[in-house]
Amino acid sequence: MSDILLRVEDVATSVGVAASTNRKYSIMCEQHGYPFNRNHQGALMYDEEEVAMFKRLVTLKKQKNTSLEKAVRQVLSDTVGISETASTPDIATHDISNWLMYKQ
């Protein structure tokens, strides 16, 4: 894992979406319990694994009959074990704790 953290604009450029779209995706992920890094001013910051996560999200979103909500759930399921079929966030505290330990 890299210690380099990227800004919303950098990730958006890398992924091929607008910065506002990247923020929207981030908010949806956070609503499902995914914890993003933030700088001292509260701005979202992303590591390389999260950039890859967003690339996957964009790819899934482009598939026929895949809503943004479904794509977010699938990516988070692949990343930290959030249930893809859950209508509400379904993430265990130990999953977040284990993931945060791995991320550090």
PDB file of N, CA and C in Angstrom:
ATOM      1  N   MET A   1       0.830  -1.184   0.000  1.00  0.00           N
ATOM      2  CA  MET A   1       0.000   0.000   0.000  1.00  0.00           C
ATOM      3  C   MET A   1       0.873   1.246   0.000  1.00  0.00           C
ATOM      4  N   SER A   2       0.438   2.246  -0.698  1.00  0.00           N
ATOM      5  CA  SER A   2       1.176   3.493  -0.803  1.00  0.00           C
ATOM      6  C   SER A   2       0.713   4.484   0.256  1.00  0.00           C
ATOM      7  N   ASP A   3       1.640   5.306   0.716  1.00  0.00           N
ATOM      8  CA  ASP A   3       1.295   6.359   1.660  1.00  0.00           C
ATOM      9  C   ASP A   3       0.774   7.592   0.945  1.00  0.00           C
ATOM     10  N   ILE A   4       0.820   7.592  -0.372  1.00  0.00           N
ATOM     11  CA  ILE A   4       0.378   8.748  -1.156  1.00  0.00           C
ATOM     12  C   ILE A   4      -1.143   8.787  -1.180  1.00  0.00           C
ATOM     13  N   LEU A   5      -1.688   9.948  -0.831  1.00  0.00           N
ATOM     14  CA  LEU A   5      -3.127  10.144  -0.879  1.00  0.00           C
ATOM     15  C   LEU A   5      -3.444  11.175  -1.957  1.00  0.00           C
ATOM     16  N   LEU A   6      -4.503  10.883  -2.709  1.00  0.00           N
ATOM     17  CA  LEU A   6      -4.893  11.736  -3.829  1.00  0.00           C
ATOM     18  C   LEU A   6      -6.166  12.506  -3.518  1.00  0.00           C
ATOM     19  N   ARG A   7      -6.282  13.662  -4.154  1.00  0.00           N
ATOM     20  CA  ARG A   7      -7.471  14.498  -4.000  1.00  0.00           C
ATOM     21  C   ARG A   7      -8.593  14.011  -4.912  1.00  0.00           C
ATOM     22  N   VAL A   8      -9.797  14.476  -4.646  1.00  0.00           N
ATOM     23  CA  VAL A   8     -10.969  14.130  -5.444  1.00  0.00           C
ATOM     24  C   VAL A   8     -10.710  14.381  -6.923  1.00  0.00           C
ATOM     25  N   GLU A   9     -10.164  15.529  -7.250  1.00  0.00           N
ATOM     26  CA  GLU A   9      -9.943  15.905  -8.645  1.00  0.00           C
ATOM     27  C   GLU A   9      -8.969  14.953  -9.336  1.00  0.00           C
ATOM     28  N   ASP A  10      -7.927  14.544  -8.618  1.00  0.00           N
ATOM     29  CA  ASP A  10      -6.936  13.627  -9.184  1.00  0.00           C
ATOM     30  C   ASP A  10      -7.554  12.257  -9.466  1.00  0.00           C
ATOM     31  N   VAL A  11      -8.354  11.784  -8.526  1.00  0.00           N
ATOM     32  CA  VAL A  11      -9.005  10.488  -8.703  1.00  0.00           C
ATOM     33  C   VAL A  11     -10.010  10.555  -9.843  1.00  0.00           C
ATOM     34  N   ALA A  12     -10.768  11.631  -9.893  1.00  0.00           N
ATOM     35  CA  ALA A  12     -11.760  11.786 -10.954  1.00  0.00           C
ATOM     36  C   ALA A  12     -11.097  11.741 -12.327  1.00  0.00           C
ATOM     37  N   THR A  13      -9.988  12.431 -12.478  1.00  0.00           N
ATOM     38  CA  THR A  13      -9.248  12.420 -13.743  1.00  0.00           C
ATOM     39  C   THR A  13      -8.759  11.014 -14.070  1.00  0.00           C
ATOM     40  N   SER A  14      -8.221  10.339 -13.077  1.00  0.00           N
ATOM     41  CA  SER A  14      -7.699   8.988 -13.274  1.00  0.00           C
ATOM     42  C   SER A  14      -8.789   7.997 -13.667  1.00  0.00           C
ATOM     43  N   VAL A  15      -9.965   8.181 -13.087  1.00  0.00           N
ATOM     44  CA  VAL A  15     -11.074   7.254 -13.311  1.00  0.00           C
ATOM     45  C   VAL A  15     -11.881   7.633 -14.554  1.00  0.00           C
ATOM     46  N   GLY A  16     -11.824   8.901 -14.944  1.00  0.00           N
ATOM     47  CA  GLY A  16     -12.554   9.345 -16.126  1.00  0.00           C
ATOM     48  C   GLY A  16     -13.953   9.847 -15.847  1.00  0.00           C
ATOM     49  N   VAL A  17     -14.136  10.438 -14.669  1.00  0.00           N
ATOM     50  CA  VAL A  17     -15.423  11.035 -14.316  1.00  0.00           C
ATOM     51  C   VAL A  17     -15.187  12.460 -13.823  1.00  0.00           C
ATOM     52  N   ALA A  18     -16.250  13.207 -13.685  1.00  0.00           N
ATOM     53  CA  ALA A  18     -16.158  14.562 -13.129  1.00  0.00           C
ATOM     54  C   ALA A  18     -15.897  14.486 -11.625  1.00  0.00           C
ATOM     55  N   ALA A  19     -15.288  15.503 -11.085  1.00  0.00           N
ATOM     56  CA  ALA A  19     -15.018  15.540  -9.641  1.00  0.00           C
ATOM     57  C   ALA A  19     -16.322  15.426  -8.848  1.00  0.00           C
ATOM     58  N   SER A  20     -17.386  16.066  -9.327  1.00  0.00           N
ATOM     59  CA  SER A  20     -18.676  15.993  -8.629  1.00  0.00           C
ATOM     60  C   SER A  20     -19.221  14.565  -8.627  1.00  0.00           C
ATOM     61  N   THR A  21     -18.968  13.828  -9.705  1.00  0.00           N
ATOM     62  CA  THR A  21     -19.394  12.427  -9.778  1.00  0.00           C
ATOM     63  C   THR A  21     -18.595  11.596  -8.788  1.00  0.00           C
ATOM     64  N   ASN A  22     -17.305  11.851  -8.700  1.00  0.00           N
ATOM     65  CA  ASN A  22     -16.465  11.142  -7.740  1.00  0.00           C
ATOM     66  C   ASN A  22     -16.940  11.396  -6.312  1.00  0.00           C
ATOM     67  N   ARG A  23     -17.312  12.638  -6.022  1.00  0.00           N
ATOM     68  CA  ARG A  23     -17.826  12.962  -4.683  1.00  0.00           C
ATOM     69  C   ARG A  23     -19.130  12.203  -4.419  1.00  0.00           C
ATOM     70  N   LYS A  24     -20.003  12.143  -5.429  1.00  0.00           N
ATOM     71  CA  LYS A  24     -21.272  11.426  -5.290  1.00  0.00           C
ATOM     72  C   LYS A  24     -21.012   9.957  -4.978  1.00  0.00           C
ATOM     73  N   TYR A  25     -20.085   9.337  -5.705  1.00  0.00           N
ATOM     74  CA  TYR A  25     -19.742   7.940  -5.457  1.00  0.00           C
ATOM     75  C   TYR A  25     -19.192   7.767  -4.038  1.00  0.00           C
ATOM     76  N   SER A  26     -18.370   8.712  -3.612  1.00  0.00           N
ATOM     77  CA  SER A  26     -17.797   8.651  -2.265  1.00  0.00           C
ATOM     78  C   SER A  26     -18.883   8.714  -1.202  1.00  0.00           C
ATOM     79  N   ILE A  27     -19.826   9.613  -1.384  1.00  0.00           N
ATOM     80  CA  ILE A  27     -20.924   9.758  -0.418  1.00  0.00           C
ATOM     81  C   ILE A  27     -21.723   8.465  -0.340  1.00  0.00           C
ATOM     82  N   MET A  28     -21.998   7.870  -1.496  1.00  0.00           N
ATOM     83  CA  MET A  28     -22.755   6.612  -1.496  1.00  0.00           C
ATOM     84  C   MET A  28     -21.986   5.517  -0.763  1.00  0.00           C
ATOM     85  N   CYS A  29     -20.693   5.451  -0.987  1.00  0.00           N
ATOM     86  CA  CYS A  29     -19.872   4.448  -0.294  1.00  0.00           C
ATOM     87  C   CYS A  29     -19.884   4.705   1.213  1.00  0.00           C
ATOM     88  N   GLU A  30     -19.766   5.951   1.614  1.00  0.00           N
ATOM     89  CA  GLU A  30     -19.787   6.290   3.037  1.00  0.00           C
ATOM     90  C   GLU A  30     -21.135   5.953   3.660  1.00  0.00           C
ATOM     91  N   GLN A  31     -22.214   6.128   2.921  1.00  0.00           N
ATOM     92  CA  GLN A  31     -23.543   5.785   3.439  1.00  0.00           C
ATOM     93  C   GLN A  31     -23.670   4.296   3.712  1.00  0.00           C
ATOM     94  N   HIS A  32     -22.832   3.511   3.049  1.00  0.00           N
ATOM     95  CA  HIS A  32     -22.811   2.065   3.266  1.00  0.00           C
ATOM     96  C   HIS A  32     -21.726   1.649   4.253  1.00  0.00           C
ATOM     97  N   GLY A  33     -21.117   2.624   4.922  1.00  0.00           N
ATOM     98  CA  GLY A  33     -20.165   2.327   5.981  1.00  0.00           C
ATOM     99  C   GLY A  33     -18.696   2.333   5.596  1.00  0.00           C
ATOM    100  N   TYR A  34     -18.379   2.710   4.376  1.00  0.00           N
ATOM    101  CA  TYR A  34     -16.978   2.718   3.956  1.00  0.00           C
ATOM    102  C   TYR A  34     -16.285   3.983   4.464  1.00  0.00           C
ATOM    103  N   PRO A  35     -15.187   3.866   5.195  1.00  0.00           N
ATOM    104  CA  PRO A  35     -14.502   5.039   5.757  1.00  0.00           C
ATOM    105  C   PRO A  35     -13.361   5.549   4.862  1.00  0.00           C
ATOM    106  N   PHE A  36     -13.546   6.685   4.249  1.00  0.00           N
ATOM    107  CA  PHE A  36     -12.477   7.290   3.462  1.00  0.00           C
ATOM    108  C   PHE A  36     -11.586   8.137   4.364  1.00  0.00           C
ATOM    109  N   ASN A  37     -10.343   8.313   3.935  1.00  0.00           N
ATOM    110  CA  ASN A  37      -9.431   9.230   4.615  1.00  0.00           C
ATOM    111  C   ASN A  37      -9.874  10.660   4.339  1.00  0.00           C
ATOM    112  N   ARG A  38      -9.585  11.533   5.273  1.00  0.00           N
ATOM    113  CA  ARG A  38      -9.847  12.962   5.093  1.00  0.00           C
ATOM    114  C   ARG A  38      -8.639  13.733   5.614  1.00  0.00           C
ATOM    115  N   ASN A  39      -8.358  14.858   4.983  1.00  0.00           N
ATOM    116  CA  ASN A  39      -7.243  15.674   5.456  1.00  0.00           C
ATOM    117  C   ASN A  39      -7.696  16.523   6.642  1.00  0.00           C
ATOM    118  N   HIS A  40      -6.806  17.359   7.150  1.00  0.00           N
ATOM    119  CA  HIS A  40      -7.123  18.164   8.335  1.00  0.00           C
ATOM    120  C   HIS A  40      -8.249  19.164   8.096  1.00  0.00           C
ATOM    121  N   GLN A  41      -8.561  19.446   6.848  1.00  0.00           N
ATOM    122  CA  GLN A  41      -9.668  20.348   6.520  1.00  0.00           C
ATOM    123  C   GLN A  41     -10.958  19.584   6.224  1.00  0.00           C
ATOM    124  N   GLY A  42     -10.899  18.261   6.297  1.00  0.00           N
ATOM    125  CA  GLY A  42     -12.089  17.446   6.071  1.00  0.00           C
ATOM    126  C   GLY A  42     -12.294  17.020   4.617  1.00  0.00           C
ATOM    127  N   ALA A  43     -11.363  17.370   3.738  1.00  0.00           N
ATOM    128  CA  ALA A  43     -11.491  17.003   2.326  1.00  0.00           C
ATOM    129  C   ALA A  43     -11.171  15.521   2.141  1.00  0.00           C
ATOM    130  N   LEU A  44     -11.919  14.883   1.275  1.00  0.00           N
ATOM    131  CA  LEU A  44     -11.688  13.475   0.972  1.00  0.00           C
ATOM    132  C   LEU A  44     -10.314  13.269   0.355  1.00  0.00           C
ATOM    133  N   MET A  45      -9.666  12.182   0.762  1.00  0.00           N
ATOM    134  CA  MET A  45      -8.361  11.802   0.233  1.00  0.00           C
ATOM    135  C   MET A  45      -8.411  10.301  -0.036  1.00  0.00           C
ATOM    136  N   TYR A  46      -7.768   9.872  -1.132  1.00  0.00           N
ATOM    137  CA  TYR A  46      -7.875   8.486  -1.571  1.00  0.00           C
ATOM    138  C   TYR A  46      -6.500   7.860  -1.750  1.00  0.00           C
ATOM    139  N   ASP A  47      -6.411   6.570  -1.435  1.00  0.00           N
ATOM    140  CA  ASP A  47      -5.173   5.838  -1.712  1.00  0.00           C
ATOM    141  C   ASP A  47      -5.336   5.065  -3.021  1.00  0.00           C
ATOM    142  N   GLU A  48      -4.289   4.371  -3.428  1.00  0.00           N
ATOM    143  CA  GLU A  48      -4.296   3.664  -4.713  1.00  0.00           C
ATOM    144  C   GLU A  48      -5.369   2.586  -4.774  1.00  0.00           C
ATOM    145  N   GLU A  49      -5.616   1.899  -3.666  1.00  0.00           N
ATOM    146  CA  GLU A  49      -6.641   0.858  -3.632  1.00  0.00           C
ATOM    147  C   GLU A  49      -8.025   1.442  -3.852  1.00  0.00           C
ATOM    148  N   GLU A  50      -8.248   2.636  -3.333  1.00  0.00           N
ATOM    149  CA  GLU A  50      -9.548   3.279  -3.522  1.00  0.00           C
ATOM    150  C   GLU A  50      -9.717   3.768  -4.960  1.00  0.00           C
ATOM    151  N   VAL A  51      -8.628   4.180  -5.594  1.00  0.00           N
ATOM    152  CA  VAL A  51      -8.695   4.545  -7.014  1.00  0.00           C
ATOM    153  C   VAL A  51      -9.112   3.319  -7.821  1.00  0.00           C
ATOM    154  N   ALA A  52      -8.516   2.174  -7.518  1.00  0.00           N
ATOM    155  CA  ALA A  52      -8.883   0.928  -8.201  1.00  0.00           C
ATOM    156  C   ALA A  52     -10.343   0.575  -7.928  1.00  0.00           C
ATOM    157  N   MET A  53     -10.801   0.841  -6.713  1.00  0.00           N
ATOM    158  CA  MET A  53     -12.191   0.585  -6.353  1.00  0.00           C
ATOM    159  C   MET A  53     -13.134   1.438  -7.206  1.00  0.00           C
ATOM    160  N   PHE A  54     -12.779   2.706  -7.393  1.00  0.00           N
ATOM    161  CA  PHE A  54     -13.614   3.588  -8.205  1.00  0.00           C
ATOM    162  C   PHE A  54     -13.580   3.194  -9.684  1.00  0.00           C
ATOM    163  N   LYS A  55     -12.432   2.738 -10.160  1.00  0.00           N
ATOM    164  CA  LYS A  55     -12.364   2.269 -11.551  1.00  0.00           C
ATOM    165  C   LYS A  55     -13.307   1.092 -11.745  1.00  0.00           C
ATOM    166  N   ARG A  56     -13.316   0.189 -10.781  1.00  0.00           N
ATOM    167  CA  ARG A  56     -14.233  -0.959 -10.851  1.00  0.00           C
ATOM    168  C   ARG A  56     -15.681  -0.490 -10.791  1.00  0.00           C
ATOM    169  N   LEU A  57     -15.965   0.473  -9.949  1.00  0.00           N
ATOM    170  CA  LEU A  57     -17.316   1.015  -9.824  1.00  0.00           C
ATOM    171  C   LEU A  57     -17.791   1.587 -11.157  1.00  0.00           C
ATOM    172  N   VAL A  58     -16.943   2.351 -11.815  1.00  0.00           N
ATOM    173  CA  VAL A  58     -17.297   2.944 -13.108  1.00  0.00           C
ATOM    174  C   VAL A  58     -17.540   1.850 -14.140  1.00  0.00           C
ATOM    175  N   THR A  59     -16.688   0.829 -14.148  1.00  0.00           N
ATOM    176  CA  THR A  59     -16.858  -0.291 -15.087  1.00  0.00           C
ATOM    177  C   THR A  59     -18.178  -1.008 -14.847  1.00  0.00           C
ATOM    178  N   LEU A  60     -18.488  -1.291 -13.593  1.00  0.00           N
ATOM    179  CA  LEU A  60     -19.748  -1.955 -13.263  1.00  0.00           C
ATOM    180  C   LEU A  60     -20.946  -1.098 -13.643  1.00  0.00           C
ATOM    181  N   LYS A  61     -20.840   0.191 -13.378  1.00  0.00           N
ATOM    182  CA  LYS A  61     -21.948   1.114 -13.656  1.00  0.00           C
ATOM    183  C   LYS A  61     -22.287   1.143 -15.147  1.00  0.00           C
ATOM    184  N   LYS A  62     -21.310   0.927 -16.000  1.00  0.00           N
ATOM    185  CA  LYS A  62     -21.522   0.966 -17.441  1.00  0.00           C
ATOM    186  C   LYS A  62     -22.221  -0.290 -17.976  1.00  0.00           C
ATOM    187  N   GLN A  63     -22.256  -1.333 -17.167  1.00  0.00           N
ATOM    188  CA  GLN A  63     -22.893  -2.574 -17.616  1.00  0.00           C
ATOM    189  C   GLN A  63     -24.405  -2.396 -17.687  1.00  0.00           C
ATOM    190  N   LYS A  64     -24.998  -3.053 -18.650  1.00  0.00           N
ATOM    191  CA  LYS A  64     -26.445  -2.981 -18.843  1.00  0.00           C
ATOM    192  C   LYS A  64     -27.158  -3.489 -17.589  1.00  0.00           C
ATOM    193  N   ASN A  65     -28.221  -2.813 -17.224  1.00  0.00           N
ATOM    194  CA  ASN A  65     -29.057  -3.187 -16.078  1.00  0.00           C
ATOM    195  C   ASN A  65     -28.338  -3.125 -14.740  1.00  0.00           C
ATOM    196  N   THR A  66     -27.286  -2.305 -14.644  1.00  0.00           N
ATOM    197  CA  THR A  66     -26.599  -2.136 -13.372  1.00  0.00           C
ATOM    198  C   THR A  66     -26.777  -0.696 -12.899  1.00  0.00           C
ATOM    199  N   SER A  67     -27.515  -0.548 -11.819  1.00  0.00           N
ATOM    200  CA  SER A  67     -27.720   0.780 -11.243  1.00  0.00           C
ATOM    201  C   SER A  67     -26.480   1.195 -10.471  1.00  0.00           C
ATOM    202  N   LEU A  68     -26.380   2.464 -10.190  1.00  0.00           N
ATOM    203  CA  LEU A  68     -25.266   2.954  -9.382  1.00  0.00           C
ATOM    204  C   LEU A  68     -25.298   2.299  -8.005  1.00  0.00           C
ATOM    205  N   GLU A  69     -26.470   2.194  -7.431  1.00  0.00           N
ATOM    206  CA  GLU A  69     -26.603   1.565  -6.112  1.00  0.00           C
ATOM    207  C   GLU A  69     -26.092   0.122  -6.138  1.00  0.00           C
ATOM    208  N   LYS A  70     -26.461  -0.632  -7.144  1.00  0.00           N
ATOM    209  CA  LYS A  70     -26.014  -2.018  -7.247  1.00  0.00           C
ATOM    210  C   LYS A  70     -24.498  -2.079  -7.442  1.00  0.00           C
ATOM    211  N   ALA A  71     -23.961  -1.190  -8.259  1.00  0.00           N
ATOM    212  CA  ALA A  71     -22.513  -1.168  -8.497  1.00  0.00           C
ATOM    213  C   ALA A  71     -21.765  -0.841  -7.208  1.00  0.00           C
ATOM    214  N   VAL A  72     -22.256   0.125  -6.437  1.00  0.00           N
ATOM    215  CA  VAL A  72     -21.622   0.487  -5.167  1.00  0.00           C
ATOM    216  C   VAL A  72     -21.638  -0.707  -4.218  1.00  0.00           C
ATOM    217  N   ARG A  73     -22.788  -1.361  -4.101  1.00  0.00           N
ATOM    218  CA  ARG A  73     -22.883  -2.522  -3.202  1.00  0.00           C
ATOM    219  C   ARG A  73     -21.930  -3.633  -3.634  1.00  0.00           C
ATOM    220  N   GLN A  74     -21.817  -3.863  -4.938  1.00  0.00           N
ATOM    221  CA  GLN A  74     -20.920  -4.921  -5.423  1.00  0.00           C
ATOM    222  C   GLN A  74     -19.465  -4.594  -5.114  1.00  0.00           C
ATOM    223  N   VAL A  75     -19.057  -3.360  -5.384  1.00  0.00           N
ATOM    224  CA  VAL A  75     -17.675  -2.959  -5.131  1.00  0.00           C
ATOM    225  C   VAL A  75     -17.351  -3.039  -3.641  1.00  0.00           C
ATOM    226  N   LEU A  76     -18.257  -2.589  -2.811  1.00  0.00           N
ATOM    227  CA  LEU A  76     -18.013  -2.645  -1.373  1.00  0.00           C
ATOM    228  C   LEU A  76     -18.023  -4.080  -0.867  1.00  0.00           C
ATOM    229  N   SER A  77     -18.843  -4.910  -1.456  1.00  0.00           N
ATOM    230  CA  SER A  77     -18.847  -6.329  -1.096  1.00  0.00           C
ATOM    231  C   SER A  77     -17.494  -6.947  -1.415  1.00  0.00           C
ATOM    232  N   ASP A  78     -16.951  -6.596  -2.567  1.00  0.00           N
ATOM    233  CA  ASP A  78     -15.641  -7.103  -2.970  1.00  0.00           C
ATOM    234  C   ASP A  78     -14.526  -6.546  -2.088  1.00  0.00           C
ATOM    235  N   THR A  79     -14.709  -5.315  -1.595  1.00  0.00           N
ATOM    236  CA  THR A  79     -13.655  -4.623  -0.855  1.00  0.00           C
ATOM    237  C   THR A  79     -13.644  -4.955   0.635  1.00  0.00           C
ATOM    238  N   VAL A  80     -14.785  -4.819   1.295  1.00  0.00           N
ATOM    239  CA  VAL A  80     -14.813  -5.008   2.754  1.00  0.00           C
ATOM    240  C   VAL A  80     -15.912  -5.938   3.243  1.00  0.00           C
ATOM    241  N   GLY A  81     -16.571  -6.618   2.348  1.00  0.00           N
ATOM    242  CA  GLY A  81     -17.540  -7.624   2.772  1.00  0.00           C
ATOM    243  C   GLY A  81     -18.937  -7.117   3.053  1.00  0.00           C
ATOM    244  N   ILE A  82     -19.306  -5.970   2.508  1.00  0.00           N
ATOM    245  CA  ILE A  82     -20.676  -5.500   2.662  1.00  0.00           C
ATOM    246  C   ILE A  82     -21.545  -6.338   1.745  1.00  0.00           C
ATOM    247  N   SER A  83     -22.653  -6.823   2.253  1.00  0.00           N
ATOM    248  CA  SER A  83     -23.535  -7.683   1.477  1.00  0.00           C
ATOM    249  C   SER A  83     -24.089  -6.957   0.266  1.00  0.00           C
ATOM    250  N   GLU A  84     -23.910  -7.538  -0.924  1.00  0.00           N
ATOM    251  CA  GLU A  84     -24.385  -6.927  -2.158  1.00  0.00           C
ATOM    252  C   GLU A  84     -25.897  -6.863  -2.207  1.00  0.00           C
ATOM    253  N   THR A  85     -26.579  -7.824  -1.606  1.00  0.00           N
ATOM    254  CA  THR A  85     -28.030  -7.881  -1.716  1.00  0.00           C
ATOM    255  C   THR A  85     -28.740  -7.093  -0.627  1.00  0.00           C
ATOM    256  N   ALA A  86     -28.023  -6.562   0.311  1.00  0.00           N
ATOM    257  CA  ALA A  86     -28.657  -5.822   1.403  1.00  0.00           C
ATOM    258  C   ALA A  86     -29.246  -4.527   0.896  1.00  0.00           C
ATOM    259  N   SER A  87     -30.421  -4.190   1.390  1.00  0.00           N
ATOM    260  CA  SER A  87     -31.032  -2.922   1.004  1.00  0.00           C
ATOM    261  C   SER A  87     -30.538  -1.793   1.899  1.00  0.00           C
ATOM    262  N   THR A  88     -29.992  -2.157   3.041  1.00  0.00           N
ATOM    263  CA  THR A  88     -29.378  -1.185   3.934  1.00  0.00           C
ATOM    264  C   THR A  88     -27.966  -1.663   4.213  1.00  0.00           C
ATOM    265  N   PRO A  89     -27.111  -0.776   4.679  1.00  0.00           N
ATOM    266  CA  PRO A  89     -25.749  -1.206   4.961  1.00  0.00           C
ATOM    267  C   PRO A  89     -25.728  -2.414   5.881  1.00  0.00           C
ATOM    268  N   ASP A  90     -24.931  -3.410   5.532  1.00  0.00           N
ATOM    269  CA  ASP A  90     -24.843  -4.649   6.287  1.00  0.00           C
ATOM    270  C   ASP A  90     -23.372  -4.979   6.489  1.00  0.00           C
ATOM    271  N   ILE A  91     -22.729  -4.183   7.322  1.00  0.00           N
ATOM    272  CA  ILE A  91     -21.305  -4.394   7.530  1.00  0.00           C
ATOM    273  C   ILE A  91     -21.054  -4.585   9.018  1.00  0.00           C
ATOM    274  N   ALA A  92     -20.351  -5.607   9.337  1.00  0.00           N
ATOM    275  CA  ALA A  92     -20.057  -5.895  10.732  1.00  0.00           C
ATOM    276  C   ALA A  92     -18.923  -5.005  11.218  1.00  0.00           C
ATOM    277  N   THR A  93     -18.967  -4.654  12.489  1.00  0.00           N
ATOM    278  CA  THR A  93     -17.937  -3.808  13.073  1.00  0.00           C
ATOM    279  C   THR A  93     -16.561  -4.431  12.911  1.00  0.00           C
ATOM    280  N   HIS A  94     -16.463  -5.745  13.070  1.00  0.00           N
ATOM    281  CA  HIS A  94     -15.152  -6.388  12.945  1.00  0.00           C
ATOM    282  C   HIS A  94     -14.633  -6.306  11.512  1.00  0.00           C
ATOM    283  N   ASP A  95     -15.530  -6.269  10.517  1.00  0.00           N
ATOM    284  CA  ASP A  95     -15.077  -6.126   9.131  1.00  0.00           C
ATOM    285  C   ASP A  95     -14.396  -4.778   8.930  1.00  0.00           C
ATOM    286  N   ILE A  96     -14.999  -3.716   9.447  1.00  0.00           N
ATOM    287  CA  ILE A  96     -14.407  -2.375   9.340  1.00  0.00           C
ATOM    288  C   ILE A  96     -13.092  -2.349  10.107  1.00  0.00           C
ATOM    289  N   SER A  97     -13.084  -2.894  11.320  1.00  0.00           N
ATOM    290  CA  SER A  97     -11.864  -2.879  12.127  1.00  0.00           C
ATOM    291  C   SER A  97     -10.736  -3.624  11.426  1.00  0.00           C
ATOM    292  N   ASN A  98     -11.039  -4.800  10.894  1.00  0.00           N
ATOM    293  CA  ASN A  98     -10.023  -5.571  10.182  1.00  0.00           C
ATOM    294  C   ASN A  98      -9.535  -4.818   8.960  1.00  0.00           C
ATOM    295  N   TRP A  99     -10.441  -4.207   8.232  1.00  0.00           N
ATOM    296  CA  TRP A  99     -10.069  -3.481   7.030  1.00  0.00           C
ATOM    297  C   TRP A  99      -9.205  -2.270   7.390  1.00  0.00           C
ATOM    298  N   LEU A 100      -9.589  -1.552   8.451  1.00  0.00           N
ATOM    299  CA  LEU A 100      -8.808  -0.379   8.861  1.00  0.00           C
ATOM    300  C   LEU A 100      -7.409  -0.785   9.303  1.00  0.00           C
ATOM    301  N   MET A 101      -7.285  -1.923   9.980  1.00  0.00           N
ATOM    302  CA  MET A 101      -5.968  -2.391  10.391  1.00  0.00           C
ATOM    303  C   MET A 101      -5.116  -2.715   9.168  1.00  0.00           C
ATOM    304  N   TYR A 102      -5.730  -3.333   8.161  1.00  0.00           N
ATOM    305  CA  TYR A 102      -5.027  -3.668   6.923  1.00  0.00           C
ATOM    306  C   TYR A 102      -4.594  -2.406   6.196  1.00  0.00           C
ATOM    307  N   LYS A 103      -5.451  -1.407   6.207  1.00  0.00           N
ATOM    308  CA  LYS A 103      -5.213  -0.190   5.439  1.00  0.00           C
ATOM    309  C   LYS A 103      -4.062   0.638   6.028  1.00  0.00           C
ATOM    310  N   GLN A 104      -3.830   0.549   7.319  1.00  0.00           N
ATOM    311  CA  GLN A 104      -2.793   1.370   7.958  1.00  0.00           C
ATOM    312  C   GLN A 104      -1.416   0.882   7.689  1.00  0.00           C
TER     313      GLN A 104
END
